[in-house]
PDB file of N, CA and C in Angstrom:
ATOM      1  N   MET A   1      -9.437 -10.976 -11.320  1.00  0.00           N
ATOM      2  CA  MET A   1      -9.284 -10.614  -9.764  1.00  0.00           C
ATOM      3  C   MET A   1      -8.109 -11.975  -8.750  1.00  0.00           C
ATOM      4  N   ILE A   2      -7.612 -11.261  -8.312  1.00  0.00           N
ATOM      5  CA  ILE A   2      -6.574 -12.410  -7.085  1.00  0.00           C
ATOM      6  C   ILE A   2      -7.430 -12.709  -6.096  1.00  0.00           C
ATOM      7  N   THR A   3      -7.554 -13.500  -5.285  1.00  0.00           N
ATOM      8  CA  THR A   3      -7.822 -13.341  -4.075  1.00  0.00           C
ATOM      9  C   THR A   3      -6.193 -13.466  -2.889  1.00  0.00           C
ATOM     10  N   ALA A   4      -6.450 -13.221  -1.452  1.00  0.00           N
ATOM     11  CA  ALA A   4      -5.320 -13.264  -0.292  1.00  0.00           C
ATOM     12  C   ALA A   4      -5.042 -14.490  -0.676  1.00  0.00           C
ATOM     13  N   ASP A   5      -5.843 -15.715  -0.934  1.00  0.00           N
ATOM     14  CA  ASP A   5      -4.877 -16.601  -0.849  1.00  0.00           C
ATOM     15  C   ASP A   5      -4.726 -17.326  -1.460  1.00  0.00           C
ATOM     16  N   ASP A   6      -5.210 -16.767  -3.422  1.00  0.00           N
ATOM     17  CA  ASP A   6      -4.245 -17.270  -3.767  1.00  0.00           C
ATOM     18  C   ASP A   6      -3.225 -16.401  -3.748  1.00  0.00           C
ATOM     19  N   PHE A   7      -2.688 -15.527  -3.741  1.00  0.00           N
ATOM     20  CA  PHE A   7      -1.228 -14.149  -3.096  1.00  0.00           C
ATOM     21  C   PHE A   7      -0.033 -15.450  -3.235  1.00  0.00           C
ATOM     22  N   ALA A   8      -0.925 -15.615  -1.512  1.00  0.00           N
ATOM     23  CA  ALA A   8       0.054 -16.275  -0.456  1.00  0.00           C
ATOM     24  C   ALA A   8       0.183 -17.500  -0.917  1.00  0.00           C
ATOM     25  N   ASP A   9      -0.107 -18.052  -1.939  1.00  0.00           N
ATOM     26  CA  ASP A   9       0.789 -19.282  -2.862  1.00  0.00           C
ATOM     27  C   ASP A   9       1.820 -19.257  -3.940  1.00  0.00           C
ATOM     28  N   TYR A  10       1.320 -17.670  -4.168  1.00  0.00           N
ATOM     29  CA  TYR A  10       2.278 -17.588  -5.076  1.00  0.00           C
ATOM     30  C   TYR A  10       3.632 -17.029  -4.605  1.00  0.00           C
ATOM     31  N   ARG A  11       3.008 -16.049  -3.345  1.00  0.00           N
ATOM     32  CA  ARG A  11       4.245 -15.248  -2.714  1.00  0.00           C
ATOM     33  C   ARG A  11       5.534 -16.253  -1.983  1.00  0.00           C
ATOM     34  N   THR A  12       4.810 -17.374  -1.427  1.00  0.00           N
ATOM     35  CA  THR A  12       5.703 -18.348  -1.092  1.00  0.00           C
ATOM     36  C   THR A  12       7.042 -18.525  -1.431  1.00  0.00           C
ATOM     37  N   GLU A  13       6.709 -18.648  -3.001  1.00  0.00           N
ATOM     38  CA  GLU A  13       8.027 -19.499  -3.564  1.00  0.00           C
ATOM     39  C   GLU A  13       9.081 -17.911  -3.934  1.00  0.00           C
ATOM     40  N   PHE A  14       9.115 -16.907  -3.272  1.00  0.00           N
ATOM     41  CA  PHE A  14       9.163 -15.870  -3.289  1.00  0.00           C
ATOM     42  C   PHE A  14      10.435 -15.060  -1.678  1.00  0.00           C
ATOM     43  N   ASP A  15       9.723 -16.095  -0.840  1.00  0.00           N
ATOM     44  CA  ASP A  15       9.999 -15.686   0.625  1.00  0.00           C
ATOM     45  C   ASP A  15      10.849 -14.866   1.564  1.00  0.00           C
ATOM     46  N   HIS A  16      12.611 -15.369   0.737  1.00  0.00           N
ATOM     47  CA  HIS A  16      13.735 -14.858   0.873  1.00  0.00           C
ATOM     48  C   HIS A  16      14.056 -13.573   0.328  1.00  0.00           C
ATOM     49  N   ASN A  17      13.108 -12.898  -0.192  1.00  0.00           N
ATOM     50  CA  ASN A  17      13.672 -11.527  -1.865  1.00  0.00           C
ATOM     51  C   ASN A  17      13.264 -10.665  -1.070  1.00  0.00           C
ATOM     52  N   PHE A  18      13.590  -9.063  -1.574  1.00  0.00           N
ATOM     53  CA  PHE A  18      13.089  -7.931  -1.491  1.00  0.00           C
ATOM     54  C   PHE A  18      11.682  -8.364  -1.675  1.00  0.00           C
ATOM     55  N   SER A  19      10.368  -7.708  -1.176  1.00  0.00           N
ATOM     56  CA  SER A  19       9.021  -7.406  -1.880  1.00  0.00           C
ATOM     57  C   SER A  19       8.469  -6.684  -2.124  1.00  0.00           C
ATOM     58  N   ILE A  20       7.592  -6.023  -2.530  1.00  0.00           N
ATOM     59  CA  ILE A  20       6.808  -4.672  -2.722  1.00  0.00           C
ATOM     60  C   ILE A  20       5.676  -5.259  -3.245  1.00  0.00           C
ATOM     61  N   VAL A  21       4.552  -4.641  -2.435  1.00  0.00           N
ATOM     62  CA  VAL A  21       3.262  -5.259  -3.375  1.00  0.00           C
ATOM     63  C   VAL A  21       2.686  -3.255  -2.812  1.00  0.00           C
ATOM     64  N   THR A  22       2.161  -3.165  -4.181  1.00  0.00           N
ATOM     65  CA  THR A  22       1.162  -2.184  -4.809  1.00  0.00           C
ATOM     66  C   THR A  22       0.163  -2.125  -5.079  1.00  0.00           C
ATOM     67  N   LEU A  23      -0.663  -0.873  -4.607  1.00  0.00           N
ATOM     68  CA  LEU A  23      -2.016  -1.355  -4.805  1.00  0.00           C
ATOM     69  C   LEU A  23      -2.566   0.301  -5.113  1.00  0.00           C
ATOM     70  N   ASN A  24      -3.567   0.229  -6.085  1.00  0.00           N
ATOM     71  CA  ASN A  24      -4.364   1.598  -6.498  1.00  0.00           C
ATOM     72  C   ASN A  24      -5.831   1.769  -4.808  1.00  0.00           C
ATOM     73  N   ILE A  25      -4.865   2.748  -4.334  1.00  0.00           N
ATOM     74  CA  ILE A  25      -6.041   2.788  -3.083  1.00  0.00           C
ATOM     75  C   ILE A  25      -7.299   3.064  -3.583  1.00  0.00           C
ATOM     76  N   GLU A  26      -7.072   4.100  -4.713  1.00  0.00           N
ATOM     77  CA  GLU A  26      -8.324   5.653  -4.238  1.00  0.00           C
ATOM     78  C   GLU A  26      -9.192   6.014  -3.431  1.00  0.00           C
ATOM     79  N   SER A  27      -8.092   6.238  -2.122  1.00  0.00           N
ATOM     80  CA  SER A  27      -8.815   7.084  -1.369  1.00  0.00           C
ATOM     81  C   SER A  27      -8.117   6.759  -0.403  1.00  0.00           C
ATOM     82  N   ILE A  28      -7.065   6.776   0.388  1.00  0.00           N
ATOM     83  CA  ILE A  28      -6.240   6.376   1.773  1.00  0.00           C
ATOM     84  C   ILE A  28      -7.463   6.801   2.393  1.00  0.00           C
ATOM     85  N   ASN A  29      -7.960   8.131   2.739  1.00  0.00           N
ATOM     86  CA  ASN A  29      -8.945   8.451   4.223  1.00  0.00           C
ATOM     87  C   ASN A  29     -10.116   7.135   3.931  1.00  0.00           C
ATOM     88  N   GLN A  30     -10.559   7.047   2.976  1.00  0.00           N
ATOM     89  CA  GLN A  30     -11.639   5.988   2.979  1.00  0.00           C
ATOM     90  C   GLN A  30     -11.438   4.418   3.133  1.00  0.00           C
ATOM     91  N   LYS A  31      -9.825   4.336   2.766  1.00  0.00           N
ATOM     92  CA  LYS A  31      -9.936   2.550   2.777  1.00  0.00           C
ATOM     93  C   LYS A  31      -8.830   2.204   3.504  1.00  0.00           C
ATOM     94  N   PHE A  32      -8.370   3.293   4.339  1.00  0.00           N
ATOM     95  CA  PHE A  32      -6.771   2.932   5.188  1.00  0.00           C
ATOM     96  C   PHE A  32      -7.572   1.416   6.009  1.00  0.00           C
ATOM     97  N   ASN A  33      -8.692   1.971   6.471  1.00  0.00           N
ATOM     98  CA  ASN A  33      -8.898   0.355   7.375  1.00  0.00           C
ATOM     99  C   ASN A  33      -9.141  -0.989   6.809  1.00  0.00           C
ATOM    100  N   SER A  34      -9.024  -0.804   5.171  1.00  0.00           N
ATOM    101  CA  SER A  34      -9.426  -2.230   4.614  1.00  0.00           C
ATOM    102  C   SER A  34      -8.190  -2.633   4.102  1.00  0.00           C
ATOM    103  N   LEU A  35      -7.060  -1.257   3.857  1.00  0.00           N
ATOM    104  CA  LEU A  35      -5.562  -1.632   3.491  1.00  0.00           C
ATOM    105  C   LEU A  35      -5.312  -2.927   4.864  1.00  0.00           C
ATOM    106  N   CYS A  36      -5.365  -1.757   5.927  1.00  0.00           N
ATOM    107  CA  CYS A  36      -4.880  -2.616   7.269  1.00  0.00           C
ATOM    108  C   CYS A  36      -5.422  -4.094   7.164  1.00  0.00           C
ATOM    109  N   ILE A  37      -6.597  -4.664   7.218  1.00  0.00           N
ATOM    110  CA  ILE A  37      -7.693  -5.639   7.327  1.00  0.00           C
ATOM    111  C   ILE A  37      -6.926  -6.628   6.966  1.00  0.00           C
ATOM    112  N   LEU A  38      -6.497  -6.332   5.081  1.00  0.00           N
ATOM    113  CA  LEU A  38      -6.189  -6.862   4.070  1.00  0.00           C
ATOM    114  C   LEU A  38      -4.224  -7.203   4.713  1.00  0.00           C
ATOM    115  N   LEU A  39      -3.876  -6.403   5.177  1.00  0.00           N
ATOM    116  CA  LEU A  39      -2.313  -6.896   5.545  1.00  0.00           C
ATOM    117  C   LEU A  39      -2.430  -7.540   6.579  1.00  0.00           C
ATOM    118  N   GLU A  40      -3.207  -8.230   7.741  1.00  0.00           N
ATOM    119  CA  GLU A  40      -3.777  -8.679   8.726  1.00  0.00           C
ATOM    120  C   GLU A  40      -3.808 -10.341   8.014  1.00  0.00           C
ATOM    121  N   ILE A  41      -4.523 -10.069   6.962  1.00  0.00           N
ATOM    122  CA  ILE A  41      -4.599 -11.345   6.651  1.00  0.00           C
ATOM    123  C   ILE A  41      -3.123 -11.897   5.740  1.00  0.00           C
ATOM    124  N   LEU A  42      -2.727 -11.485   4.903  1.00  0.00           N
ATOM    125  CA  LEU A  42      -1.842 -11.527   4.771  1.00  0.00           C
ATOM    126  C   LEU A  42      -1.111 -12.360   5.089  1.00  0.00           C
ATOM    127  N   GLU A  43      -0.216 -11.197   6.383  1.00  0.00           N
ATOM    128  CA  GLU A  43       0.378 -12.171   7.598  1.00  0.00           C
ATOM    129  C   GLU A  43      -0.035 -13.173   8.307  1.00  0.00           C
ATOM    130  N   LYS A  44      -1.117 -13.694   8.257  1.00  0.00           N
ATOM    131  CA  LYS A  44      -1.707 -14.565   8.770  1.00  0.00           C
ATOM    132  C   LYS A  44      -0.784 -15.752   7.613  1.00  0.00           C
ATOM    133  N   SER A  45      -1.183 -15.329   7.015  1.00  0.00           N
ATOM    134  CA  SER A  45       0.230 -16.277   5.848  1.00  0.00           C
ATOM    135  C   SER A  45       1.515 -16.374   5.775  1.00  0.00           C
ATOM    136  N   ASN A  46       2.143 -15.546   7.061  1.00  0.00           N
ATOM    137  CA  ASN A  46       3.652 -15.246   6.500  1.00  0.00           C
ATOM    138  C   ASN A  46       3.612 -14.625   5.719  1.00  0.00           C
ATOM    139  N   MET A  47       2.927 -13.491   5.271  1.00  0.00           N
ATOM    140  CA  MET A  47       3.411 -12.586   3.998  1.00  0.00           C
ATOM    141  C   MET A  47       3.557 -11.484   4.253  1.00  0.00           C
ATOM    142  N   TYR A  48       5.143 -10.931   4.547  1.00  0.00           N
ATOM    143  CA  TYR A  48       5.730  -9.545   4.861  1.00  0.00           C
ATOM    144  C   TYR A  48       6.464  -8.854   3.991  1.00  0.00           C
ATOM    145  N   PHE A  49       5.770  -7.594   3.875  1.00  0.00           N
ATOM    146  CA  PHE A  49       6.006  -6.691   2.850  1.00  0.00           C
ATOM    147  C   PHE A  49       7.230  -5.533   2.863  1.00  0.00           C
ATOM    148  N   SER A  50       8.328  -6.073   2.008  1.00  0.00           N
ATOM    149  CA  SER A  50       9.156  -5.022   3.029  1.00  0.00           C
ATOM    150  C   SER A  50       9.108  -3.626   2.414  1.00  0.00           C
ATOM    151  N   ALA A  51       8.504  -3.635   1.294  1.00  0.00           N
ATOM    152  CA  ALA A  51       7.696  -1.648   1.164  1.00  0.00           C
ATOM    153  C   ALA A  51       6.678  -1.998   0.552  1.00  0.00           C
ATOM    154  N   ILE A  52       5.446  -1.026   0.726  1.00  0.00           N
ATOM    155  CA  ILE A  52       4.492  -1.235   0.302  1.00  0.00           C
ATOM    156  C   ILE A  52       3.941   0.011  -0.600  1.00  0.00           C
ATOM    157  N   CYS A  53       3.404  -0.077  -1.405  1.00  0.00           N
ATOM    158  CA  CYS A  53       3.224   1.661  -2.631  1.00  0.00           C
ATOM    159  C   CYS A  53       2.085   1.478  -3.176  1.00  0.00           C
ATOM    160  N   LEU A  54       1.450   2.648  -2.657  1.00  0.00           N
ATOM    161  CA  LEU A  54      -0.282   2.876  -3.176  1.00  0.00           C
ATOM    162  C   LEU A  54      -0.216   4.088  -4.035  1.00  0.00           C
ATOM    163  N   GLN A  55      -0.920   4.025  -5.237  1.00  0.00           N
ATOM    164  CA  GLN A  55      -1.036   4.865  -5.715  1.00  0.00           C
ATOM    165  C   GLN A  55      -2.781   5.239  -5.339  1.00  0.00           C
ATOM    166  N   GLU A  56      -2.551   6.787  -5.750  1.00  0.00           N
ATOM    167  CA  GLU A  56      -3.791   7.159  -6.090  1.00  0.00           C
ATOM    168  C   GLU A  56      -5.098   7.368  -4.768  1.00  0.00           C
ATOM    169  N   THR A  57      -3.766   7.675  -3.976  1.00  0.00           N
ATOM    170  CA  THR A  57      -4.067   8.115  -2.623  1.00  0.00           C
ATOM    171  C   THR A  57      -5.223   9.428  -1.982  1.00  0.00           C
ATOM    172  N   TRP A  58      -5.368  10.405  -2.694  1.00  0.00           N
ATOM    173  CA  TRP A  58      -5.715  11.232  -2.258  1.00  0.00           C
ATOM    174  C   TRP A  58      -5.626  12.203  -1.645  1.00  0.00           C
ATOM    175  N   PRO A  59      -4.873  11.985  -0.536  1.00  0.00           N
ATOM    176  CA  PRO A  59      -4.842  12.723   1.059  1.00  0.00           C
ATOM    177  C   PRO A  59      -5.335  14.191   1.025  1.00  0.00           C
ATOM    178  N   GLY A  60      -5.370  14.768   0.054  1.00  0.00           N
ATOM    179  CA  GLY A  60      -5.468  15.996   0.123  1.00  0.00           C
ATOM    180  C   GLY A  60      -3.957  17.009   0.730  1.00  0.00           C
ATOM    181  N   ASP A  61      -4.196  18.111   1.281  1.00  0.00           N
ATOM    182  CA  ASP A  61      -3.113  18.868   1.368  1.00  0.00           C
ATOM    183  C   ASP A  61      -3.053  18.529   3.132  1.00  0.00           C
ATOM    184  N   ASN A  62      -3.890  17.859   3.611  1.00  0.00           N
ATOM    185  CA  ASN A  62      -3.785  18.369   5.196  1.00  0.00           C
ATOM    186  C   ASN A  62      -3.076  17.069   5.781  1.00  0.00           C
ATOM    187  N   LYS A  63      -1.615  17.620   6.397  1.00  0.00           N
ATOM    188  CA  LYS A  63      -0.375  16.757   6.817  1.00  0.00           C
ATOM    189  C   LYS A  63      -1.307  16.424   8.265  1.00  0.00           C
ATOM    190  N   THR A  64      -2.129  16.634   8.854  1.00  0.00           N
ATOM    191  CA  THR A  64      -2.633  16.107  10.220  1.00  0.00           C
ATOM    192  C   THR A  64      -3.434  14.336   9.407  1.00  0.00           C
ATOM    193  N   VAL A  65      -3.616  14.585   8.028  1.00  0.00           N
ATOM    194  CA  VAL A  65      -4.536  13.521   8.549  1.00  0.00           C
ATOM    195  C   VAL A  65      -3.251  12.503   7.553  1.00  0.00           C
ATOM    196  N   LEU A  66      -2.501  12.784   7.566  1.00  0.00           N
ATOM    197  CA  LEU A  66      -1.209  11.897   7.177  1.00  0.00           C
ATOM    198  C   LEU A  66      -0.484  11.308   8.450  1.00  0.00           C
ATOM    199  N   ASP A  67      -0.135  12.260   9.327  1.00  0.00           N
ATOM    200  CA  ASP A  67       0.534  11.463  10.000  1.00  0.00           C
ATOM    201  C   ASP A  67      -0.228  10.949  11.742  1.00  0.00           C
ATOM    202  N   GLN A  68      -1.732  10.670  10.707  1.00  0.00           N
ATOM    203  CA  GLN A  68      -2.496   9.721  11.834  1.00  0.00           C
ATOM    204  C   GLN A  68      -2.523   8.533  11.193  1.00  0.00           C
ATOM    205  N   LEU A  69      -2.008   8.111  10.092  1.00  0.00           N
ATOM    206  CA  LEU A  69      -2.208   6.851   8.906  1.00  0.00           C
ATOM    207  C   LEU A  69      -0.804   6.185   9.912  1.00  0.00           C
ATOM    208  N   THR A  70      -0.701   5.079  10.314  1.00  0.00           N
ATOM    209  CA  THR A  70       0.540   4.149  10.609  1.00  0.00           C
ATOM    210  C   THR A  70       0.279   2.739  10.743  1.00  0.00           C
ATOM    211  N   LEU A  71       1.411   2.049  10.148  1.00  0.00           N
ATOM    212  CA  LEU A  71       1.342   1.357   9.435  1.00  0.00           C
ATOM    213  C   LEU A  71       2.420   0.355  10.611  1.00  0.00           C
ATOM    214  N   GLU A  72       2.165  -0.467  11.932  1.00  0.00           N
ATOM    215  CA  GLU A  72       3.077  -0.901  12.272  1.00  0.00           C
ATOM    216  C   GLU A  72       4.374  -1.239  10.977  1.00  0.00           C
ATOM    217  N   ASN A  73       5.138  -1.125  11.546  1.00  0.00           N
ATOM    218  CA  ASN A  73       6.671  -1.841  11.126  1.00  0.00           C
ATOM    219  C   ASN A  73       6.714  -0.847   9.539  1.00  0.00           C
ATOM    220  N   TYR A  74       6.366   0.138   9.230  1.00  0.00           N
ATOM    221  CA  TYR A  74       6.372   0.523   8.323  1.00  0.00           C
ATOM    222  C   TYR A  74       6.490   2.382   8.028  1.00  0.00           C
ATOM    223  N   GLU A  75       7.683   2.778   7.651  1.00  0.00           N
ATOM    224  CA  GLU A  75       7.046   4.397   7.827  1.00  0.00           C
ATOM    225  C   GLU A  75       6.683   4.958   6.414  1.00  0.00           C
ATOM    226  N   ILE A  76       6.149   5.600   6.422  1.00  0.00           N
ATOM    227  CA  ILE A  76       5.187   6.752   5.290  1.00  0.00           C
ATOM    228  C   ILE A  76       5.897   7.631   4.696  1.00  0.00           C
ATOM    229  N   PHE A  77       6.442   7.658   3.403  1.00  0.00           N
ATOM    230  CA  PHE A  77       6.968   8.578   3.012  1.00  0.00           C
ATOM    231  C   PHE A  77       5.629   9.006   1.417  1.00  0.00           C
ATOM    232  N   ALA A  78       5.633  10.234   2.005  1.00  0.00           N
ATOM    233  CA  ALA A  78       4.413  10.738   1.195  1.00  0.00           C
ATOM    234  C   ALA A  78       5.159  11.739  -0.315  1.00  0.00           C
ATOM    235  N   LEU A  79       5.066  11.235  -1.445  1.00  0.00           N
ATOM    236  CA  LEU A  79       5.464  12.195  -2.511  1.00  0.00           C
ATOM    237  C   LEU A  79       4.296  13.047  -3.018  1.00  0.00           C
ATOM    238  N   LYS A  80       4.284  14.355  -3.356  1.00  0.00           N
ATOM    239  CA  LYS A  80       2.906  15.059  -4.316  1.00  0.00           C
ATOM    240  C   LYS A  80       2.448  14.412  -5.482  1.00  0.00           C
ATOM    241  N   ALA A  81       1.625  15.041  -5.442  1.00  0.00           N
ATOM    242  CA  ALA A  81       1.089  14.081  -7.272  1.00  0.00           C
ATOM    243  C   ALA A  81       1.668  14.926  -8.218  1.00  0.00           C
ATOM    244  N   THR A  82       1.857  13.996  -8.957  1.00  0.00           N
ATOM    245  CA  THR A  82       2.502  15.238 -10.242  1.00  0.00           C
ATOM    246  C   THR A  82       1.668  14.111 -11.129  1.00  0.00           C
ATOM    247  N   CYS A  83       2.147  14.863 -12.798  1.00  0.00           N
ATOM    248  CA  CYS A  83       1.628  14.158 -13.643  1.00  0.00           C
ATOM    249  C   CYS A  83       2.675  13.896 -14.945  1.00  0.00           C
ATOM    250  N   THR A  84       2.249  12.566 -15.472  1.00  0.00           N
ATOM    251  CA  THR A  84       2.859  11.529 -15.828  1.00  0.00           C
ATOM    252  C   THR A  84       2.637  12.808 -17.489  1.00  0.00           C
ATOM    253  N   SER A  85       3.386  11.263 -18.446  1.00  0.00           N
ATOM    254  CA  SER A  85       3.982  12.351 -19.429  1.00  0.00           C
ATOM    255  C   SER A  85       2.263  11.565 -20.619  1.00  0.00           C
ATOM    256  N   ASN A  86       1.441  10.812 -20.245  1.00  0.00           N
ATOM    257  CA  ASN A  86       0.385  10.331 -20.456  1.00  0.00           C
ATOM    258  C   ASN A  86      -0.857  11.214 -19.521  1.00  0.00           C
ATOM    259  N   GLY A  87      -0.342  11.725 -19.001  1.00  0.00           N
ATOM    260  CA  GLY A  87      -1.244  13.713 -18.435  1.00  0.00           C
ATOM    261  C   GLY A  87      -1.878  12.850 -17.500  1.00  0.00           C
ATOM    262  N   GLY A  88      -1.967  11.542 -16.523  1.00  0.00           N
ATOM    263  CA  GLY A  88      -2.573  10.956 -15.404  1.00  0.00           C
ATOM    264  C   GLY A  88      -1.280  11.616 -14.345  1.00  0.00           C
ATOM    265  N   ARG A  89      -2.560  11.529 -13.116  1.00  0.00           N
ATOM    266  CA  ARG A  89      -2.039  12.133 -11.683  1.00  0.00           C
ATOM    267  C   ARG A  89      -1.520  11.344 -11.034  1.00  0.00           C
ATOM    268  N   HIS A  90      -0.672  11.046  -9.879  1.00  0.00           N
ATOM    269  CA  HIS A  90      -0.618   9.849  -8.969  1.00  0.00           C
ATOM    270  C   HIS A  90       0.806  10.279  -7.772  1.00  0.00           C
ATOM    271  N   ASN A  91      -0.004  10.090  -6.792  1.00  0.00           N
ATOM    272  CA  ASN A  91       1.137   9.525  -5.532  1.00  0.00           C
ATOM    273  C   ASN A  91       1.195   8.568  -5.236  1.00  0.00           C
ATOM    274  N   ARG A  92       2.237   8.498  -4.142  1.00  0.00           N
ATOM    275  CA  ARG A  92       2.860   6.837  -3.432  1.00  0.00           C
ATOM    276  C   ARG A  92       3.248   7.224  -2.024  1.00  0.00           C
ATOM    277  N   TYR A  93       3.056   6.376  -1.605  1.00  0.00           N
ATOM    278  CA  TYR A  93       3.581   6.119  -0.471  1.00  0.00           C
ATOM    279  C   TYR A  93       4.267   5.016  -0.049  1.00  0.00           C
ATOM    280  N   SER A  94       5.258   4.487   0.598  1.00  0.00           N
ATOM    281  CA  SER A  94       5.831   3.264   0.693  1.00  0.00           C
ATOM    282  C   SER A  94       6.240   3.033   2.425  1.00  0.00           C
TER     283      SER A  94
END
């Protein structure tokens, strides 16, 4: 398990590059506040990301829920769940 502090130390080496953070969120509705807190902690270490990709968001079919989820300086793009060649489902936000 990597902590926010460990990640900050690793990330400073790549400050001037396009950066992506990807997380398995397992329900955006239940964990959105935790995601916001994590991003605030990382921003305190001057860690900003060009894109944030979230898997297993499970937002359901309610577009109103998606419209209420906002991250400052980011635009949300929702992709429908699809099955992979291994049979798994995935959703992505960036």
